Amino acid sequence: MIKVVICEMERVYDSSLFSWIREQYCRRKSDGAEFWFRVSIRTHDVDLLFSSSACPKRGGRRKPQVNQREQRIVDLWTSMGVAAGSDIDLLLRFLHRVNEMLG
């Protein structure tokens, strides 16, 4: 399951997720509010949490080691530069690719 949190509002990956993300981004941008996000990816063999650079820091566990499938997702996040959070299209492409990877 893929979940996205934008400024404390949570949404599960479904057919309306991309339009919801764009709506949240545009609303915050027009209000001059900060835009940040967290992406949680959990399946039987994947347990990852990613955050944009503007995301408020919170304490939590750090996964000691990632498996091969998780590493491919981590590499995708890193190579795409999604954490900067400045390009909403990068986030959408990342989510689309991860959804495809999870099958």
Protein backbone atom coordinates (compact mmCIF):
# COMPACT_ATOMS: atom_id res chain seq x y z
CA MET A 1 0.00 0.00 0.00
CA ILE A 2 1.22 3.46 -0.86
CA LYS A 3 0.10 6.37 1.32
CA VAL A 4 0.88 10.03 0.86
CA VAL A 5 0.68 12.63 3.62
CA ILE A 6 0.62 16.28 2.58
CA CYS A 7 0.79 18.74 5.45
CA GLU A 8 -0.96 16.28 7.82
CA MET A 9 -3.64 15.22 5.31
CA GLU A 10 -3.37 11.56 4.33
CA ARG A 11 -4.45 9.75 1.19
CA VAL A 12 -4.04 6.15 -0.03
CA TYR A 13 -2.94 5.53 -3.60
CA ASP A 14 -6.00 5.34 -5.85
CA SER A 15 -7.17 6.76 -9.17
CA SER A 16 -7.76 10.23 -7.70
CA LEU A 17 -4.44 10.56 -5.84
CA PHE A 18 -2.62 12.57 -8.50
CA SER A 19 -5.37 15.16 -8.85
CA TRP A 20 -5.58 15.41 -5.04
CA ILE A 21 -1.82 16.04 -4.80
CA ARG A 22 -1.98 18.73 -7.51
CA GLU A 23 -4.93 20.35 -5.73
CA GLN A 24 -3.08 20.39 -2.40
CA TYR A 25 0.03 21.82 -4.04
CA CYS A 26 -1.84 24.57 -5.90
CA ARG A 27 -3.89 25.51 -2.84
CA ARG A 28 -0.84 25.85 -0.62
CA LYS A 29 1.14 27.69 -3.27
CA SER A 30 -1.64 30.24 -3.80
CA ASP A 31 -2.01 30.70 -0.02
CA GLY A 32 1.74 31.14 0.38
CA ALA A 33 1.80 28.13 2.71
CA GLU A 34 4.60 25.62 2.92
CA PHE A 35 4.19 22.38 0.96
CA TRP A 36 5.70 19.17 2.31
CA PHE A 37 4.95 15.47 1.99
CA ARG A 38 5.68 12.00 3.29
CA VAL A 39 5.35 8.82 1.26
CA SER A 40 4.79 5.52 3.06
CA ILE A 41 5.21 2.29 1.10
CA ARG A 42 4.21 -0.94 2.82
CA THR A 43 3.70 -4.40 1.35
CA HIS A 44 4.60 -7.89 2.53
CA ASP A 45 8.28 -7.26 1.64
CA VAL A 46 8.58 -3.45 1.52
CA ASP A 47 8.44 -1.07 4.47
CA LEU A 48 9.75 2.39 3.57
CA LEU A 49 9.04 5.99 4.52
CA PHE A 50 10.27 8.97 2.49
CA SER A 51 9.94 12.66 3.33
CA SER A 52 10.44 15.88 1.43
CA SER A 53 13.15 18.20 2.71
CA ALA A 54 10.56 20.66 4.08
CA CYS A 55 8.80 17.93 6.07
CA PRO A 56 8.80 18.49 9.85
CA LYS A 57 11.25 16.15 11.49
CA ARG A 58 9.89 13.51 13.80
CA GLY A 59 11.51 10.82 15.84
CA GLY A 60 11.17 7.30 14.69
CA ARG A 61 12.84 4.09 13.84
CA ARG A 62 15.52 3.76 11.25
CA LYS A 63 15.52 0.59 9.28
CA PRO A 64 18.90 -1.11 9.77
CA GLN A 65 19.00 -2.77 6.38
CA VAL A 66 16.90 -2.73 3.24
CA ASN A 67 16.19 -5.70 1.03
CA GLN A 68 16.81 -5.74 -2.73
CA ARG A 69 13.31 -4.62 -3.68
CA GLU A 70 13.40 -1.77 -1.18
CA GLN A 71 16.83 -0.73 -2.43
CA ARG A 72 15.48 -0.29 -5.97
CA ILE A 73 12.81 2.07 -4.59
CA VAL A 74 15.37 3.97 -2.47
CA ASP A 75 17.61 4.30 -5.54
CA LEU A 76 14.69 5.61 -7.58
CA TRP A 77 13.85 8.21 -4.89
CA THR A 78 17.47 9.34 -4.77
CA SER A 79 18.09 9.40 -8.52
CA MET A 80 14.91 11.37 -9.22
CA GLY A 81 15.67 13.97 -6.53
CA VAL A 82 12.13 13.84 -5.18
CA ALA A 83 13.14 14.85 -1.64
CA ALA A 84 13.73 18.46 -2.68
CA GLY A 85 9.94 18.74 -2.94
CA SER A 86 10.15 21.64 -5.36
CA ASP A 87 8.85 19.79 -8.42
CA ILE A 88 5.45 18.21 -7.90
CA ASP A 89 5.76 16.33 -11.19
CA LEU A 90 8.76 14.43 -9.80
CA LEU A 91 6.64 13.24 -6.90
CA LEU A 92 3.88 12.12 -9.25
CA ARG A 93 6.34 10.27 -11.52
CA PHE A 94 7.94 8.61 -8.50
CA LEU A 95 4.58 7.43 -7.19
CA HIS A 96 3.58 6.11 -10.62
CA ARG A 97 6.86 4.21 -11.00
CA VAL A 98 6.68 2.73 -7.50
CA ASN A 99 3.12 1.61 -8.10
CA GLU A 100 4.30 -0.14 -11.28
CA MET A 101 7.25 -1.72 -9.43
CA LEU A 102 4.95 -3.10 -6.76
CA GLY A 103 2.76 -4.60 -9.46
